[in-house]
Amino acid sequence: MLINQLSDIQEEQVTDKKATDKKVYTRTVYALIGGIVLLNLVWWLISQCIH
């Protein structure tokens, strides 16, 4: 009985860790895409001002 409860707790921790890793990965991807879009916008604005 105790062993079953321990293995359930361990499985929950692994699942939580995977969910957290996925959240961090998703946030990183969005940050990279947002950064690239922002840099392109700034570059476009600068090029508009120069010409």
PDB file of N, CA and C in Angstrom:
ATOM      1  N   MET A   1       0.840  -1.202   0.000  1.00  0.00           N
ATOM      2  CA  MET A   1       0.000   0.000   0.000  1.00  0.00           C
ATOM      3  C   MET A   1       0.879   1.258   0.000  1.00  0.00           C
ATOM      4  N   LEU A   2       1.826   1.312   0.911  1.00  0.00           N
ATOM      5  CA  LEU A   2       2.703   2.474   0.998  1.00  0.00           C
ATOM      6  C   LEU A   2       3.551   2.609  -0.273  1.00  0.00           C
ATOM      7  N   ILE A   3       3.984   1.464  -0.799  1.00  0.00           N
ATOM      8  CA  ILE A   3       4.804   1.483  -2.012  1.00  0.00           C
ATOM      9  C   ILE A   3       3.988   2.030  -3.179  1.00  0.00           C
ATOM     10  N   ASN A   4       2.731   1.651  -3.279  1.00  0.00           N
ATOM     11  CA  ASN A   4       1.868   2.151  -4.348  1.00  0.00           C
ATOM     12  C   ASN A   4       1.703   3.661  -4.248  1.00  0.00           C
ATOM     13  N   GLN A   5       1.527   4.160  -3.027  1.00  0.00           N
ATOM     14  CA  GLN A   5       1.365   5.602  -2.843  1.00  0.00           C
ATOM     15  C   GLN A   5       2.639   6.341  -3.233  1.00  0.00           C
ATOM     16  N   LEU A   6       3.782   5.790  -2.873  1.00  0.00           N
ATOM     17  CA  LEU A   6       5.054   6.418  -3.215  1.00  0.00           C
ATOM     18  C   LEU A   6       5.254   6.467  -4.727  1.00  0.00           C
ATOM     19  N   SER A   7       4.931   5.382  -5.408  1.00  0.00           N
ATOM     20  CA  SER A   7       5.116   5.374  -6.860  1.00  0.00           C
ATOM     21  C   SER A   7       4.143   6.349  -7.520  1.00  0.00           C
ATOM     22  N   ASP A   8       2.931   6.497  -6.981  1.00  0.00           N
ATOM     23  CA  ASP A   8       1.976   7.470  -7.511  1.00  0.00           C
ATOM     24  C   ASP A   8       2.529   8.889  -7.348  1.00  0.00           C
ATOM     25  N   ILE A   9       3.097   9.166  -6.184  1.00  0.00           N
ATOM     26  CA  ILE A   9       3.656  10.499  -5.928  1.00  0.00           C
ATOM     27  C   ILE A   9       4.806  10.771  -6.895  1.00  0.00           C
ATOM     28  N   GLN A  10       5.661   9.784  -7.117  1.00  0.00           N
ATOM     29  CA  GLN A  10       6.792   9.960  -8.035  1.00  0.00           C
ATOM     30  C   GLN A  10       6.295  10.219  -9.456  1.00  0.00           C
ATOM     31  N   GLU A  11       5.260   9.503  -9.879  1.00  0.00           N
ATOM     32  CA  GLU A  11       4.708   9.705 -11.221  1.00  0.00           C
ATOM     33  C   GLU A  11       4.132  11.113 -11.355  1.00  0.00           C
ATOM     34  N   GLU A  12       3.464  11.605 -10.321  1.00  0.00           N
ATOM     35  CA  GLU A  12       2.913  12.958 -10.353  1.00  0.00           C
ATOM     36  C   GLU A  12       4.028  13.988 -10.473  1.00  0.00           C
ATOM     37  N   GLN A  13       5.128  13.778  -9.765  1.00  0.00           N
ATOM     38  CA  GLN A  13       6.254  14.717  -9.823  1.00  0.00           C
ATOM     39  C   GLN A  13       6.866  14.737 -11.214  1.00  0.00           C
ATOM     40  N   VAL A  14       6.981  13.572 -11.841  1.00  0.00           N
ATOM     41  CA  VAL A  14       7.528  13.497 -13.201  1.00  0.00           C
ATOM     42  C   VAL A  14       6.593  14.221 -14.160  1.00  0.00           C
ATOM     43  N   THR A  15       5.288  14.008 -14.013  1.00  0.00           N
ATOM     44  CA  THR A  15       4.308  14.667 -14.877  1.00  0.00           C
ATOM     45  C   THR A  15       4.376  16.172 -14.700  1.00  0.00           C
ATOM     46  N   ASP A  16       4.461  16.640 -13.454  1.00  0.00           N
ATOM     47  CA  ASP A  16       4.563  18.074 -13.184  1.00  0.00           C
ATOM     48  C   ASP A  16       5.833  18.650 -13.812  1.00  0.00           C
ATOM     49  N   LYS A  17       6.932  17.912 -13.704  1.00  0.00           N
ATOM     50  CA  LYS A  17       8.195  18.392 -14.270  1.00  0.00           C
ATOM     51  C   LYS A  17       8.085  18.505 -15.786  1.00  0.00           C
ATOM     52  N   LYS A  18       7.454  17.531 -16.421  1.00  0.00           N
ATOM     53  CA  LYS A  18       7.284  17.581 -17.876  1.00  0.00           C
ATOM     54  C   LYS A  18       6.417  18.772 -18.267  1.00  0.00           C
ATOM     55  N   ALA A  19       5.363  19.022 -17.517  1.00  0.00           N
ATOM     56  CA  ALA A  19       4.483  20.155 -17.807  1.00  0.00           C
ATOM     57  C   ALA A  19       5.239  21.464 -17.640  1.00  0.00           C
ATOM     58  N   THR A  20       6.054  21.557 -16.592  1.00  0.00           N
ATOM     59  CA  THR A  20       6.849  22.764 -16.358  1.00  0.00           C
ATOM     60  C   THR A  20       7.864  22.959 -17.473  1.00  0.00           C
ATOM     61  N   ASP A  21       8.532  21.876 -17.878  1.00  0.00           N
ATOM     62  CA  ASP A  21       9.504  21.963 -18.972  1.00  0.00           C
ATOM     63  C   ASP A  21       8.826  22.442 -20.248  1.00  0.00           C
ATOM     64  N   LYS A  22       7.621  21.939 -20.499  1.00  0.00           N
ATOM     65  CA  LYS A  22       6.891  22.338 -21.710  1.00  0.00           C
ATOM     66  C   LYS A  22       6.527  23.814 -21.651  1.00  0.00           C
ATOM     67  N   LYS A  23       6.128  24.299 -20.459  1.00  0.00           N
ATOM     68  CA  LYS A  23       5.791  25.715 -20.307  1.00  0.00           C
ATOM     69  C   LYS A  23       7.016  26.582 -20.564  1.00  0.00           C
ATOM     70  N   VAL A  24       8.159  26.182 -20.006  1.00  0.00           N
ATOM     71  CA  VAL A  24       9.399  26.948 -20.185  1.00  0.00           C
ATOM     72  C   VAL A  24       9.803  26.948 -21.655  1.00  0.00           C
ATOM     73  N   TYR A  25       9.689  25.795 -22.301  1.00  0.00           N
ATOM     74  CA  TYR A  25      10.032  25.682 -23.719  1.00  0.00           C
ATOM     75  C   TYR A  25       9.128  26.577 -24.566  1.00  0.00           C
ATOM     76  N   THR A  26       7.829  26.532 -24.283  1.00  0.00           N
ATOM     77  CA  THR A  26       6.871  27.347 -25.030  1.00  0.00           C
ATOM     78  C   THR A  26       7.159  28.823 -24.832  1.00  0.00           C
ATOM     79  N   ARG A  27       7.423  29.230 -23.584  1.00  0.00           N
ATOM     80  CA  ARG A  27       7.724  30.631 -23.291  1.00  0.00           C
ATOM     81  C   ARG A  27       8.988  31.073 -24.022  1.00  0.00           C
ATOM     82  N   THR A  28       9.993  30.199 -24.072  1.00  0.00           N
ATOM     83  CA  THR A  28      11.249  30.528 -24.750  1.00  0.00           C
ATOM     84  C   THR A  28      11.011  30.719 -26.248  1.00  0.00           C
ATOM     85  N   VAL A  29      10.218  29.828 -26.843  1.00  0.00           N
ATOM     86  CA  VAL A  29       9.930  29.933 -28.280  1.00  0.00           C
ATOM     87  C   VAL A  29       9.199  31.232 -28.567  1.00  0.00           C
ATOM     88  N   TYR A  30       8.173  31.547 -27.754  1.00  0.00           N
ATOM     89  CA  TYR A  30       7.431  32.796 -27.959  1.00  0.00           C
ATOM     90  C   TYR A  30       8.346  34.012 -27.791  1.00  0.00           C
ATOM     91  N   ALA A  31       9.250  33.962 -26.825  1.00  0.00           N
ATOM     92  CA  ALA A  31      10.169  35.083 -26.597  1.00  0.00           C
ATOM     93  C   ALA A  31      11.084  35.270 -27.802  1.00  0.00           C
ATOM     94  N   LEU A  32      11.584  34.176 -28.352  1.00  0.00           N
ATOM     95  CA  LEU A  32      12.459  34.271 -29.526  1.00  0.00           C
ATOM     96  C   LEU A  32      11.706  34.841 -30.727  1.00  0.00           C
ATOM     97  N   ILE A  33      10.509  34.329 -30.972  1.00  0.00           N
ATOM     98  CA  ILE A  33       9.715  34.821 -32.106  1.00  0.00           C
ATOM     99  C   ILE A  33       9.370  36.295 -31.902  1.00  0.00           C
ATOM    100  N   GLY A  34       8.949  36.654 -30.685  1.00  0.00           N
ATOM    101  CA  GLY A  34       8.626  38.050 -30.390  1.00  0.00           C
ATOM    102  C   GLY A  34       9.822  38.963 -30.569  1.00  0.00           C
ATOM    103  N   GLY A  35      10.986  38.501 -30.142  1.00  0.00           N
ATOM    104  CA  GLY A  35      12.206  39.288 -30.286  1.00  0.00           C
ATOM    105  C   GLY A  35      12.563  39.516 -31.742  1.00  0.00           C
ATOM    106  N   ILE A  36      12.427  38.469 -32.551  1.00  0.00           N
ATOM    107  CA  ILE A  36      12.729  38.596 -33.978  1.00  0.00           C
ATOM    108  C   ILE A  36      11.753  39.571 -34.642  1.00  0.00           C
ATOM    109  N   VAL A  37      10.465  39.450 -34.316  1.00  0.00           N
ATOM    110  CA  VAL A  37       9.458  40.353 -34.881  1.00  0.00           C
ATOM    111  C   VAL A  37       9.749  41.791 -34.460  1.00  0.00           C
ATOM    112  N   LEU A  38      10.084  41.991 -33.192  1.00  0.00           N
ATOM    113  CA  LEU A  38      10.381  43.332 -32.687  1.00  0.00           C
ATOM    114  C   LEU A  38      11.604  43.927 -33.383  1.00  0.00           C
ATOM    115  N   LEU A  39      12.649  43.127 -33.541  1.00  0.00           N
ATOM    116  CA  LEU A  39      13.846  43.607 -34.238  1.00  0.00           C
ATOM    117  C   LEU A  39      13.521  43.979 -35.685  1.00  0.00           C
ATOM    118  N   ASN A  40      12.697  43.171 -36.350  1.00  0.00           N
ATOM    119  CA  ASN A  40      12.313  43.482 -37.727  1.00  0.00           C
ATOM    120  C   ASN A  40      11.528  44.781 -37.790  1.00  0.00           C
ATOM    121  N   LEU A  41      10.635  44.997 -36.832  1.00  0.00           N
ATOM    122  CA  LEU A  41       9.872  46.248 -36.807  1.00  0.00           C
ATOM    123  C   LEU A  41      10.778  47.452 -36.607  1.00  0.00           C
ATOM    124  N   VAL A  42      11.706  47.348 -35.672  1.00  0.00           N
ATOM    125  CA  VAL A  42      12.640  48.443 -35.404  1.00  0.00           C
ATOM    126  C   VAL A  42      13.495  48.710 -36.637  1.00  0.00           C
ATOM    127  N   TRP A  43      14.000  47.634 -37.257  1.00  0.00           N
ATOM    128  CA  TRP A  43      14.818  47.782 -38.458  1.00  0.00           C
ATOM    129  C   TRP A  43      14.022  48.452 -39.567  1.00  0.00           C
ATOM    130  N   TRP A  44      12.754  48.044 -39.735  1.00  0.00           N
ATOM    131  CA  TRP A  44      11.894  48.632 -40.773  1.00  0.00           C
ATOM    132  C   TRP A  44      11.665  50.121 -40.500  1.00  0.00           C
ATOM    133  N   LEU A  45      11.403  50.473 -39.230  1.00  0.00           N
ATOM    134  CA  LEU A  45      11.193  51.878 -38.886  1.00  0.00           C
ATOM    135  C   LEU A  45      12.440  52.716 -39.162  1.00  0.00           C
ATOM    136  N   ILE A  46      13.605  52.181 -38.798  1.00  0.00           N
ATOM    137  CA  ILE A  46      14.856  52.906 -39.031  1.00  0.00           C
ATOM    138  C   ILE A  46      15.070  53.096 -40.533  1.00  0.00           C
ATOM    139  N   SER A  47      14.824  52.036 -41.294  1.00  0.00           N
ATOM    140  CA  SER A  47      15.030  52.146 -42.749  1.00  0.00           C
ATOM    141  C   SER A  47      14.033  53.130 -43.367  1.00  0.00           C
ATOM    142  N   GLN A  48      12.832  53.238 -42.808  1.00  0.00           N
ATOM    143  CA  GLN A  48      11.853  54.210 -43.313  1.00  0.00           C
ATOM    144  C   GLN A  48      12.315  55.634 -43.009  1.00  0.00           C
ATOM    145  N   CYS A  49      12.900  55.839 -41.848  1.00  0.00           N
ATOM    146  CA  CYS A  49      13.352  57.175 -41.452  1.00  0.00           C
ATOM    147  C   CYS A  49      14.550  57.620 -42.283  1.00  0.00           C
ATOM    148  N   ILE A  50      15.412  56.680 -42.630  1.00  0.00           N
ATOM    149  CA  ILE A  50      16.632  57.017 -43.376  1.00  0.00           C
ATOM    150  C   ILE A  50      16.300  57.423 -44.814  1.00  0.00           C
ATOM    151  N   HIS A  51      15.378  56.706 -45.433  1.00  0.00           N
ATOM    152  CA  HIS A  51      15.081  56.971 -46.858  1.00  0.00           C
ATOM    153  C   HIS A  51      14.059  58.037 -47.034  1.00  0.00           C
TER     154      HIS A  51
END
